[in-house]
PDB file of N, CA and C in Angstrom:
ATOM      1  N   UNK A   1      -0.807   9.678   5.478  1.00  0.00           N
ATOM      2  CA  UNK A   1      -1.630   9.131   4.419  1.00  0.00           C
ATOM      3  C   UNK A   1      -3.048   8.879   4.925  1.00  0.00           C
ATOM      4  N   UNK A   2      -3.967   8.955   4.038  1.00  0.00           N
ATOM      5  CA  UNK A   2      -5.376   8.802   4.356  1.00  0.00           C
ATOM      6  C   UNK A   2      -5.713   7.330   4.592  1.00  0.00           C
ATOM      7  N   UNK A   3      -6.339   7.030   5.724  1.00  0.00           N
ATOM      8  CA  UNK A   3      -6.704   5.646   6.050  1.00  0.00           C
ATOM      9  C   UNK A   3      -7.850   5.124   5.198  1.00  0.00           C
ATOM     10  N   UNK A   4      -8.505   6.018   4.456  1.00  0.00           N
ATOM     11  CA  UNK A   4      -9.590   5.618   3.573  1.00  0.00           C
ATOM     12  C   UNK A   4      -9.075   4.682   2.479  1.00  0.00           C
ATOM     13  N   UNK A   5      -7.832   4.898   2.075  1.00  0.00           N
ATOM     14  CA  UNK A   5      -7.225   4.058   1.047  1.00  0.00           C
ATOM     15  C   UNK A   5      -6.418   2.952   1.706  1.00  0.00           C
ATOM     16  N   UNK A   6      -6.552   1.764   1.203  1.00  0.00           N
ATOM     17  CA  UNK A   6      -5.909   0.606   1.822  1.00  0.00           C
ATOM     18  C   UNK A   6      -4.829  -0.031   0.958  1.00  0.00           C
ATOM     19  N   UNK A   7      -4.785   0.325  -0.323  1.00  0.00           N
ATOM     20  CA  UNK A   7      -3.864  -0.334  -1.240  1.00  0.00           C
ATOM     21  C   UNK A   7      -3.165   0.715  -2.097  1.00  0.00           C
ATOM     22  N   UNK A   8      -1.959   0.400  -2.487  1.00  0.00           N
ATOM     23  CA  UNK A   8      -1.148   1.366  -3.220  1.00  0.00           C
ATOM     24  C   UNK A   8      -0.365   0.679  -4.330  1.00  0.00           C
ATOM     25  N   UNK A   9      -0.218   1.373  -5.437  1.00  0.00           N
ATOM     26  CA  UNK A   9       0.800   1.003  -6.417  1.00  0.00           C
ATOM     27  C   UNK A   9       1.871   2.069  -6.253  1.00  0.00           C
ATOM     28  N   UNK A  10       3.101   1.677  -6.504  1.00  0.00           N
ATOM     29  CA  UNK A  10       4.188   2.634  -6.304  1.00  0.00           C
ATOM     30  C   UNK A  10       5.290   2.382  -7.321  1.00  0.00           C
ATOM     31  N   UNK A  11       6.045   3.445  -7.576  1.00  0.00           N
ATOM     32  CA  UNK A  11       7.198   3.339  -8.455  1.00  0.00           C
ATOM     33  C   UNK A  11       8.418   3.821  -7.680  1.00  0.00           C
ATOM     34  N   UNK A  12       9.421   2.983  -7.647  1.00  0.00           N
ATOM     35  CA  UNK A  12      10.717   3.328  -7.067  1.00  0.00           C
ATOM     36  C   UNK A  12      11.698   3.548  -8.203  1.00  0.00           C
ATOM     37  N   UNK A  13      12.691   4.386  -7.965  1.00  0.00           N
ATOM     38  CA  UNK A  13      13.729   4.638  -8.963  1.00  0.00           C
ATOM     39  C   UNK A  13      15.090   4.629  -8.285  1.00  0.00           C
ATOM     40  N   UNK A  14      16.109   4.264  -9.042  1.00  0.00           N
ATOM     41  CA  UNK A  14      17.477   4.316  -8.522  1.00  0.00           C
ATOM     42  C   UNK A  14      17.982   5.755  -8.524  1.00  0.00           C
ATOM     43  N   UNK A  15      17.530   6.521  -9.495  1.00  0.00           N
ATOM     44  CA  UNK A  15      17.888   7.933  -9.659  1.00  0.00           C
ATOM     45  C   UNK A  15      16.986   8.501 -10.749  1.00  0.00           C
ATOM     46  N   UNK A  16      17.131   9.769 -11.051  1.00  0.00           N
ATOM     47  CA  UNK A  16      16.342  10.372 -12.125  1.00  0.00           C
ATOM     48  C   UNK A  16      16.616   9.623 -13.433  1.00  0.00           C
ATOM     49  N   UNK A  17      15.566   9.195 -14.105  1.00  0.00           N
ATOM     50  CA  UNK A  17      15.659   8.434 -15.357  1.00  0.00           C
ATOM     51  C   UNK A  17      16.443   7.126 -15.207  1.00  0.00           C
ATOM     52  N   UNK A  18      16.547   6.633 -13.992  1.00  0.00           N
ATOM     53  CA  UNK A  18      17.294   5.406 -13.743  1.00  0.00           C
ATOM     54  C   UNK A  18      16.419   4.163 -13.811  1.00  0.00           C
ATOM     55  N   UNK A  19      16.870   3.127 -13.145  1.00  0.00           N
ATOM     56  CA  UNK A  19      16.140   1.868 -13.086  1.00  0.00           C
ATOM     57  C   UNK A  19      14.848   2.071 -12.309  1.00  0.00           C
ATOM     58  N   UNK A  20      13.751   1.501 -12.806  1.00  0.00           N
ATOM     59  CA  UNK A  20      12.439   1.639 -12.177  1.00  0.00           C
ATOM     60  C   UNK A  20      11.943   0.296 -11.653  1.00  0.00           C
ATOM     61  N   UNK A  21      11.140   0.374 -10.600  1.00  0.00           N
ATOM     62  CA  UNK A  21      10.487  -0.803 -10.032  1.00  0.00           C
ATOM     63  C   UNK A  21       9.052  -0.412  -9.724  1.00  0.00           C
ATOM     64  N   UNK A  22       8.106  -1.231 -10.138  1.00  0.00           N
ATOM     65  CA  UNK A  22       6.686  -0.979  -9.872  1.00  0.00           C
ATOM     66  C   UNK A  22       6.167  -2.094  -8.974  1.00  0.00           C
ATOM     67  N   UNK A  23       5.478  -1.701  -7.898  1.00  0.00           N
ATOM     68  CA  UNK A  23       4.949  -2.688  -6.970  1.00  0.00           C
ATOM     69  C   UNK A  23       3.568  -2.310  -6.479  1.00  0.00           C
ATOM     70  N   UNK A  24       2.964  -3.217  -5.724  1.00  0.00           N
ATOM     71  CA  UNK A  24       1.661  -2.999  -5.103  1.00  0.00           C
ATOM     72  C   UNK A  24       1.761  -3.458  -3.653  1.00  0.00           C
ATOM     73  N   UNK A  25       1.071  -2.762  -2.758  1.00  0.00           N
ATOM     74  CA  UNK A  25       1.136  -3.102  -1.341  1.00  0.00           C
ATOM     75  C   UNK A  25      -0.107  -2.618  -0.611  1.00  0.00           C
ATOM     76  N   UNK A  26      -0.329  -3.155   0.570  1.00  0.00           N
ATOM     77  CA  UNK A  26      -1.414  -2.662   1.415  1.00  0.00           C
ATOM     78  C   UNK A  26      -0.867  -1.747   2.519  1.00  0.00           C
ATOM     79  N   UNK A  27       0.459  -1.559   2.557  1.00  0.00           N
ATOM     80  CA  UNK A  27       1.083  -0.692   3.557  1.00  0.00           C
ATOM     81  C   UNK A  27       2.292  -0.027   2.910  1.00  0.00           C
ATOM     82  N   UNK A  28       2.073   1.131   2.331  1.00  0.00           N
ATOM     83  CA  UNK A  28       3.121   1.793   1.553  1.00  0.00           C
ATOM     84  C   UNK A  28       4.336   2.167   2.401  1.00  0.00           C
ATOM     85  N   UNK A  29       4.111   2.712   3.574  1.00  0.00           N
ATOM     86  CA  UNK A  29       5.235   3.116   4.421  1.00  0.00           C
ATOM     87  C   UNK A  29       6.115   1.921   4.793  1.00  0.00           C
ATOM     88  N   UNK A  30       5.483   0.826   5.183  1.00  0.00           N
ATOM     89  CA  UNK A  30       6.242  -0.379   5.548  1.00  0.00           C
ATOM     90  C   UNK A  30       7.006  -0.927   4.347  1.00  0.00           C
ATOM     91  N   UNK A  31       6.338  -0.991   3.199  1.00  0.00           N
ATOM     92  CA  UNK A  31       6.967  -1.590   2.018  1.00  0.00           C
ATOM     93  C   UNK A  31       8.139  -0.761   1.520  1.00  0.00           C
ATOM     94  N   UNK A  32       7.990   0.557   1.512  1.00  0.00           N
ATOM     95  CA  UNK A  32       9.105   1.410   1.094  1.00  0.00           C
ATOM     96  C   UNK A  32      10.260   1.265   2.075  1.00  0.00           C
ATOM     97  N   UNK A  33       9.952   1.192   3.359  1.00  0.00           N
ATOM     98  CA  UNK A  33      10.990   0.989   4.367  1.00  0.00           C
ATOM     99  C   UNK A  33      11.733  -0.328   4.107  1.00  0.00           C
ATOM    100  N   UNK A  34      10.999  -1.363   3.772  1.00  0.00           N
ATOM    101  CA  UNK A  34      11.636  -2.649   3.465  1.00  0.00           C
ATOM    102  C   UNK A  34      12.591  -2.507   2.282  1.00  0.00           C
ATOM    103  N   UNK A  35      12.173  -1.812   1.252  1.00  0.00           N
ATOM    104  CA  UNK A  35      13.053  -1.597   0.099  1.00  0.00           C
ATOM    105  C   UNK A  35      14.290  -0.797   0.509  1.00  0.00           C
ATOM    106  N   UNK A  36      14.092   0.258   1.286  1.00  0.00           N
ATOM    107  CA  UNK A  36      15.205   1.128   1.673  1.00  0.00           C
ATOM    108  C   UNK A  36      16.219   0.422   2.571  1.00  0.00           C
ATOM    109  N   UNK A  37      15.774  -0.575   3.311  1.00  0.00           N
ATOM    110  CA  UNK A  37      16.663  -1.278   4.233  1.00  0.00           C
ATOM    111  C   UNK A  37      17.147  -2.625   3.696  1.00  0.00           C
ATOM    112  N   UNK A  38      16.874  -2.900   2.437  1.00  0.00           N
ATOM    113  CA  UNK A  38      17.349  -4.135   1.834  1.00  0.00           C
ATOM    114  C   UNK A  38      16.473  -5.346   2.073  1.00  0.00           C
ATOM    115  N   UNK A  39      15.307  -5.146   2.666  1.00  0.00           N
ATOM    116  CA  UNK A  39      14.394  -6.257   2.931  1.00  0.00           C
ATOM    117  C   UNK A  39      13.324  -6.393   1.853  1.00  0.00           C
ATOM    118  N   UNK A  40      13.362  -5.492   0.865  1.00  0.00           N
ATOM    119  CA  UNK A  40      12.402  -5.530  -0.242  1.00  0.00           C
ATOM    120  C   UNK A  40      12.776  -6.623  -1.219  1.00  0.00           C
ATOM    121  N   UNK A  41      12.503  -6.411  -2.465  1.00  0.00           N
ATOM    122  CA  UNK A  41      12.785  -7.425  -3.476  1.00  0.00           C
ATOM    123  C   UNK A  41      14.281  -7.537  -3.765  1.00  0.00           C
ATOM    124  N   UNK A  42      14.679  -8.674  -4.295  1.00  0.00           N
ATOM    125  CA  UNK A  42      16.079  -8.868  -4.698  1.00  0.00           C
ATOM    126  C   UNK A  42      16.457  -7.888  -5.804  1.00  0.00           C
ATOM    127  N   UNK A  43      15.511  -7.582  -6.680  1.00  0.00           N
ATOM    128  CA  UNK A  43      15.751  -6.657  -7.784  1.00  0.00           C
ATOM    129  C   UNK A  43      16.115  -5.269  -7.261  1.00  0.00           C
ATOM    130  N   UNK A  44      15.302  -4.743  -6.336  1.00  0.00           N
ATOM    131  CA  UNK A  44      15.580  -3.396  -5.833  1.00  0.00           C
ATOM    132  C   UNK A  44      16.891  -3.354  -5.066  1.00  0.00           C
ATOM    133  N   UNK A  45      17.204  -4.417  -4.392  1.00  0.00           N
ATOM    134  CA  UNK A  45      18.471  -4.503  -3.660  1.00  0.00           C
ATOM    135  C   UNK A  45      19.651  -4.538  -4.643  1.00  0.00           C
ATOM    136  N   UNK A  46      19.551  -5.364  -5.652  1.00  0.00           N
ATOM    137  CA  UNK A  46      20.636  -5.528  -6.626  1.00  0.00           C
ATOM    138  C   UNK A  46      20.927  -4.237  -7.385  1.00  0.00           C
ATOM    139  N   UNK A  47      19.875  -3.498  -7.746  1.00  0.00           N
ATOM    140  CA  UNK A  47      20.038  -2.305  -8.582  1.00  0.00           C
ATOM    141  C   UNK A  47      19.898  -0.985  -7.807  1.00  0.00           C
ATOM    142  N   UNK A  48      19.894  -1.056  -6.475  1.00  0.00           N
ATOM    143  CA  UNK A  48      19.800   0.136  -5.610  1.00  0.00           C
ATOM    144  C   UNK A  48      18.612   1.018  -5.977  1.00  0.00           C
ATOM    145  N   UNK A  49      17.448   0.395  -6.061  1.00  0.00           N
ATOM    146  CA  UNK A  49      16.217   1.101  -6.419  1.00  0.00           C
ATOM    147  C   UNK A  49      15.427   1.339  -5.133  1.00  0.00           C
ATOM    148  N   UNK A  50      15.656   2.505  -4.505  1.00  0.00           N
ATOM    149  CA  UNK A  50      15.089   2.784  -3.183  1.00  0.00           C
ATOM    150  C   UNK A  50      14.270   4.058  -3.106  1.00  0.00           C
ATOM    151  N   UNK A  51      14.261   4.858  -4.124  1.00  0.00           N
ATOM    152  CA  UNK A  51      13.666   6.191  -4.083  1.00  0.00           C
ATOM    153  C   UNK A  51      12.203   6.143  -4.538  1.00  0.00           C
ATOM    154  N   UNK A  52      11.276   6.469  -3.644  1.00  0.00           N
ATOM    155  CA  UNK A  52       9.859   6.492  -3.997  1.00  0.00           C
ATOM    156  C   UNK A  52       9.582   7.752  -4.813  1.00  0.00           C
ATOM    157  N   UNK A  53       9.242   7.569  -6.088  1.00  0.00           N
ATOM    158  CA  UNK A  53       9.036   8.724  -6.964  1.00  0.00           C
ATOM    159  C   UNK A  53       7.580   8.901  -7.395  1.00  0.00           C
ATOM    160  N   UNK A  54       6.733   7.898  -7.138  1.00  0.00           N
ATOM    161  CA  UNK A  54       5.339   7.989  -7.566  1.00  0.00           C
ATOM    162  C   UNK A  54       4.522   6.940  -6.820  1.00  0.00           C
ATOM    163  N   UNK A  55       3.274   7.293  -6.492  1.00  0.00           N
ATOM    164  CA  UNK A  55       2.349   6.285  -5.971  1.00  0.00           C
ATOM    165  C   UNK A  55       0.916   6.728  -6.211  1.00  0.00           C
ATOM    166  N   UNK A  56       0.026   5.747  -6.203  1.00  0.00           N
ATOM    167  CA  UNK A  56      -1.409   5.967  -6.317  1.00  0.00           C
ATOM    168  C   UNK A  56      -2.087   5.123  -5.247  1.00  0.00           C
ATOM    169  N   UNK A  57      -3.191   5.640  -4.697  1.00  0.00           N
ATOM    170  CA  UNK A  57      -3.927   4.941  -3.646  1.00  0.00           C
ATOM    171  C   UNK A  57      -5.249   4.400  -4.185  1.00  0.00           C
ATOM    172  N   UNK A  58      -5.662   3.252  -3.649  1.00  0.00           N
ATOM    173  CA  UNK A  58      -6.886   2.579  -4.084  1.00  0.00           C
ATOM    174  C   UNK A  58      -7.649   2.050  -2.883  1.00  0.00           C
ATOM    175  N   UNK A  59      -8.950   1.962  -3.026  1.00  0.00           N
ATOM    176  CA  UNK A  59      -9.796   1.365  -1.994  1.00  0.00           C
ATOM    177  C   UNK A  59      -9.913  -0.149  -2.166  1.00  0.00           C
ATOM    178  N   UNK A  60      -9.706  -0.619  -3.377  1.00  0.00           N
ATOM    179  CA  UNK A  60      -9.935  -2.017  -3.713  1.00  0.00           C
ATOM    180  C   UNK A  60      -8.642  -2.655  -4.220  1.00  0.00           C
ATOM    181  N   UNK A  61      -8.285  -3.794  -3.675  1.00  0.00           N
ATOM    182  CA  UNK A  61      -7.043  -4.464  -4.061  1.00  0.00           C
ATOM    183  C   UNK A  61      -7.041  -4.853  -5.536  1.00  0.00           C
ATOM    184  N   UNK A  62      -8.187  -5.257  -6.057  1.00  0.00           N
ATOM    185  CA  UNK A  62      -8.238  -5.660  -7.466  1.00  0.00           C
ATOM    186  C   UNK A  62      -7.928  -4.497  -8.396  1.00  0.00           C
ATOM    187  N   UNK A  63      -8.399  -3.306  -8.035  1.00  0.00           N
ATOM    188  CA  UNK A  63      -8.092  -2.118  -8.829  1.00  0.00           C
ATOM    189  C   UNK A  63      -6.594  -1.816  -8.784  1.00  0.00           C
ATOM    190  N   UNK A  64      -6.000  -1.955  -7.607  1.00  0.00           N
ATOM    191  CA  UNK A  64      -4.562  -1.696  -7.458  1.00  0.00           C
ATOM    192  C   UNK A  64      -3.741  -2.693  -8.277  1.00  0.00           C
ATOM    193  N   UNK A  65      -4.088  -3.957  -8.207  1.00  0.00           N
ATOM    194  CA  UNK A  65      -3.358  -4.988  -8.952  1.00  0.00           C
ATOM    195  C   UNK A  65      -3.503  -4.771 -10.458  1.00  0.00           C
ATOM    196  N   UNK A  66      -4.699  -4.432 -10.904  1.00  0.00           N
ATOM    197  CA  UNK A  66      -4.924  -4.160 -12.326  1.00  0.00           C
ATOM    198  C   UNK A  66      -4.069  -2.981 -12.789  1.00  0.00           C
ATOM    199  N   UNK A  67      -4.026  -1.919 -11.996  1.00  0.00           N
ATOM    200  CA  UNK A  67      -3.222  -0.746 -12.356  1.00  0.00           C
ATOM    201  C   UNK A  67      -1.741  -1.104 -12.395  1.00  0.00           C
ATOM    202  N   UNK A  68      -1.281  -1.894 -11.433  1.00  0.00           N
ATOM    203  CA  UNK A  68       0.126  -2.319 -11.421  1.00  0.00           C
ATOM    204  C   UNK A  68       0.461  -3.101 -12.694  1.00  0.00           C
ATOM    205  N   UNK A  69      -0.375  -4.034 -13.060  1.00  0.00           N
ATOM    206  CA  UNK A  69      -0.139  -4.844 -14.258  1.00  0.00           C
ATOM    207  C   UNK A  69      -0.113  -3.982 -15.515  1.00  0.00           C
ATOM    208  N   UNK A  70      -1.027  -3.025 -15.576  1.00  0.00           N
ATOM    209  CA  UNK A  70      -1.056  -2.136 -16.743  1.00  0.00           C
ATOM    210  C   UNK A  70       0.197  -1.277 -16.825  1.00  0.00           C
ATOM    211  N   UNK A  71       0.606  -0.710 -15.694  1.00  0.00           N
ATOM    212  CA  UNK A  71       1.811   0.128 -15.680  1.00  0.00           C
ATOM    213  C   UNK A  71       3.047  -0.662 -16.087  1.00  0.00           C
ATOM    214  N   UNK A  72       3.123  -1.897 -15.657  1.00  0.00           N
ATOM    215  CA  UNK A  72       4.282  -2.727 -16.001  1.00  0.00           C
ATOM    216  C   UNK A  72       4.366  -2.978 -17.513  1.00  0.00           C
ATOM    217  N   UNK A  73       3.243  -2.917 -18.195  1.00  0.00           N
ATOM    218  CA  UNK A  73       3.232  -3.127 -19.646  1.00  0.00           C
ATOM    219  C   UNK A  73       3.520  -1.843 -20.424  1.00  0.00           C
ATOM    220  N   UNK A  74       3.445  -0.698 -19.765  1.00  0.00           N
ATOM    221  CA  UNK A  74       3.716   0.570 -20.436  1.00  0.00           C
ATOM    222  C   UNK A  74       5.154   0.634 -20.917  1.00  0.00           C
ATOM    223  N   UNK A  75       5.381   1.384 -21.973  1.00  0.00           N
ATOM    224  CA  UNK A  75       6.765   1.589 -22.393  1.00  0.00           C
ATOM    225  C   UNK A  75       7.426   2.591 -21.441  1.00  0.00           C
ATOM    226  N   UNK A  76       8.732   2.606 -21.466  1.00  0.00           N
ATOM    227  CA  UNK A  76       9.503   3.411 -20.522  1.00  0.00           C
ATOM    228  C   UNK A  76       9.166   4.905 -20.614  1.00  0.00           C
ATOM    229  N   UNK A  77       8.996   5.426 -21.806  1.00  0.00           N
ATOM    230  CA  UNK A  77       8.697   6.853 -21.982  1.00  0.00           C
ATOM    231  C   UNK A  77       7.395   7.232 -21.278  1.00  0.00           C
ATOM    232  N   UNK A  78       6.385   6.383 -21.340  1.00  0.00           N
ATOM    233  CA  UNK A  78       5.117   6.669 -20.680  1.00  0.00           C
ATOM    234  C   UNK A  78       5.296   6.687 -19.160  1.00  0.00           C
ATOM    235  N   UNK A  79       6.095   5.751 -18.648  1.00  0.00           N
ATOM    236  CA  UNK A  79       6.343   5.700 -17.204  1.00  0.00           C
ATOM    237  C   UNK A  79       7.075   6.956 -16.733  1.00  0.00           C
ATOM    238  N   UNK A  80       8.075   7.374 -17.491  1.00  0.00           N
ATOM    239  CA  UNK A  80       8.823   8.585 -17.130  1.00  0.00           C
ATOM    240  C   UNK A  80       7.908   9.803 -17.149  1.00  0.00           C
ATOM    241  N   UNK A  81       7.043   9.883 -18.137  1.00  0.00           N
ATOM    242  CA  UNK A  81       6.102  11.009 -18.231  1.00  0.00           C
ATOM    243  C   UNK A  81       5.150  11.012 -17.043  1.00  0.00           C
ATOM    244  N   UNK A  82       4.648   9.849 -16.662  1.00  0.00           N
ATOM    245  CA  UNK A  82       3.745   9.736 -15.515  1.00  0.00           C
ATOM    246  C   UNK A  82       4.425  10.258 -14.250  1.00  0.00           C
ATOM    247  N   UNK A  83       5.653   9.827 -14.016  1.00  0.00           N
ATOM    248  CA  UNK A  83       6.402  10.278 -12.837  1.00  0.00           C
ATOM    249  C   UNK A  83       6.578  11.795 -12.879  1.00  0.00           C
ATOM    250  N   UNK A  84       7.020  12.307 -14.014  1.00  0.00           N
ATOM    251  CA  UNK A  84       7.340  13.730 -14.105  1.00  0.00           C
ATOM    252  C   UNK A  84       6.112  14.634 -14.064  1.00  0.00           C
ATOM    253  N   UNK A  85       4.947  14.110 -14.410  1.00  0.00           N
ATOM    254  CA  UNK A  85       3.717  14.900 -14.288  1.00  0.00           C
ATOM    255  C   UNK A  85       3.405  15.207 -12.823  1.00  0.00           C
ATOM    256  N   UNK A  86       3.751  14.300 -11.928  1.00  0.00           N
ATOM    257  CA  UNK A  86       3.463  14.462 -10.503  1.00  0.00           C
ATOM    258  C   UNK A  86       4.700  14.849  -9.677  1.00  0.00           C
ATOM    259  N   UNK A  87       5.876  14.506 -10.171  1.00  0.00           N
ATOM    260  CA  UNK A  87       7.105  14.675  -9.394  1.00  0.00           C
ATOM    261  C   UNK A  87       8.226  15.112 -10.333  1.00  0.00           C
ATOM    262  N   UNK A  88       8.107  16.330 -10.808  1.00  0.00           N
ATOM    263  CA  UNK A  88       9.003  16.859 -11.840  1.00  0.00           C
ATOM    264  C   UNK A  88      10.490  16.706 -11.492  1.00  0.00           C
ATOM    265  N   UNK A  89      10.822  16.906 -10.238  1.00  0.00           N
ATOM    266  CA  UNK A  89      12.229  16.865  -9.813  1.00  0.00           C
ATOM    267  C   UNK A  89      12.682  15.497  -9.296  1.00  0.00           C
ATOM    268  N   UNK A  90      11.837  14.508  -9.410  1.00  0.00           N
ATOM    269  CA  UNK A  90      12.163  13.149  -8.975  1.00  0.00           C
ATOM    270  C   UNK A  90      12.576  13.113  -7.502  1.00  0.00           C
ATOM    271  N   UNK A  91      11.877  13.867  -6.669  1.00  0.00           N
ATOM    272  CA  UNK A  91      12.161  13.862  -5.239  1.00  0.00           C
ATOM    273  C   UNK A  91      11.756  12.523  -4.637  1.00  0.00           C
ATOM    274  N   UNK A  92      12.444  12.116  -3.590  1.00  0.00           N
ATOM    275  CA  UNK A  92      12.060  10.908  -2.856  1.00  0.00           C
ATOM    276  C   UNK A  92      10.862  11.275  -1.990  1.00  0.00           C
ATOM    277  N   UNK A  93       9.689  10.800  -2.351  1.00  0.00           N
ATOM    278  CA  UNK A  93       8.460  11.147  -1.654  1.00  0.00           C
ATOM    279  C   UNK A  93       8.408  10.583  -0.239  1.00  0.00           C
ATOM    280  N   UNK A  94       9.281   9.662   0.075  1.00  0.00           N
ATOM    281  CA  UNK A  94       9.317   9.049   1.405  1.00  0.00           C
ATOM    282  C   UNK A  94      10.491   9.556   2.240  1.00  0.00           C
ATOM    283  N   UNK A  95      11.172  10.584   1.802  1.00  0.00           N
ATOM    284  CA  UNK A  95      12.402  11.011   2.479  1.00  0.00           C
ATOM    285  C   UNK A  95      12.180  11.433   3.929  1.00  0.00           C
ATOM    286  N   UNK A  96      10.988  11.917   4.263  1.00  0.00           N
ATOM    287  CA  UNK A  96      10.709  12.367   5.630  1.00  0.00           C
ATOM    288  C   UNK A  96       9.838  11.395   6.426  1.00  0.00           C
ATOM    289  N   UNK A  97       9.637  10.209   5.918  1.00  0.00           N
ATOM    290  CA  UNK A  97       8.742   9.264   6.588  1.00  0.00           C
ATOM    291  C   UNK A  97       9.361   8.579   7.794  1.00  0.00           C
ATOM    292  N   UNK A  98      10.653   8.489   7.851  1.00  0.00           N
ATOM    293  CA  UNK A  98      11.310   7.689   8.880  1.00  0.00           C
ATOM    294  C   UNK A  98      12.275   8.561   9.666  1.00  0.00           C
ATOM    295  N   UNK A  99      12.223   8.432  10.961  1.00  0.00           N
ATOM    296  CA  UNK A  99      13.120   9.192  11.831  1.00  0.00           C
ATOM    297  C   UNK A  99      14.470   8.502  11.896  1.00  0.00           C
ATOM    298  N   UNK A 100      15.450   9.072  11.182  1.00  0.00           N
ATOM    299  CA  UNK A 100      16.828   8.564  11.191  1.00  0.00           C
ATOM    300  C   UNK A 100      16.938   7.085  10.833  1.00  0.00           C
ATOM    301  N   UNK A 101      16.083   6.624   9.963  1.00  0.00           N
ATOM    302  CA  UNK A 101      16.146   5.208   9.552  1.00  0.00           C
ATOM    303  C   UNK A 101      16.723   5.125   8.180  1.00  0.00           C
TER     304      UNK A 101
END
């Protein structure tokens, strides 16, 4: 990932068209790892929401937080369309980030 960007919004999914989670972080790799290992939110742990299906990078934390809040207000169909525009097959974008973790 480019070090020029310091903040990220991200969407995790349990599976294709499954439960979604939207978050914001200053370290996407660390935060996704926390979710995948059960150290993330109670929600993602409870509903097995570990698959990174979408993210956006920002230079400014306020822009990232604003985007996160807006996405959370979107209806489900808009969120699914956003994911599928960038990740048609709902691949886990973080699947190769960790060595055997």
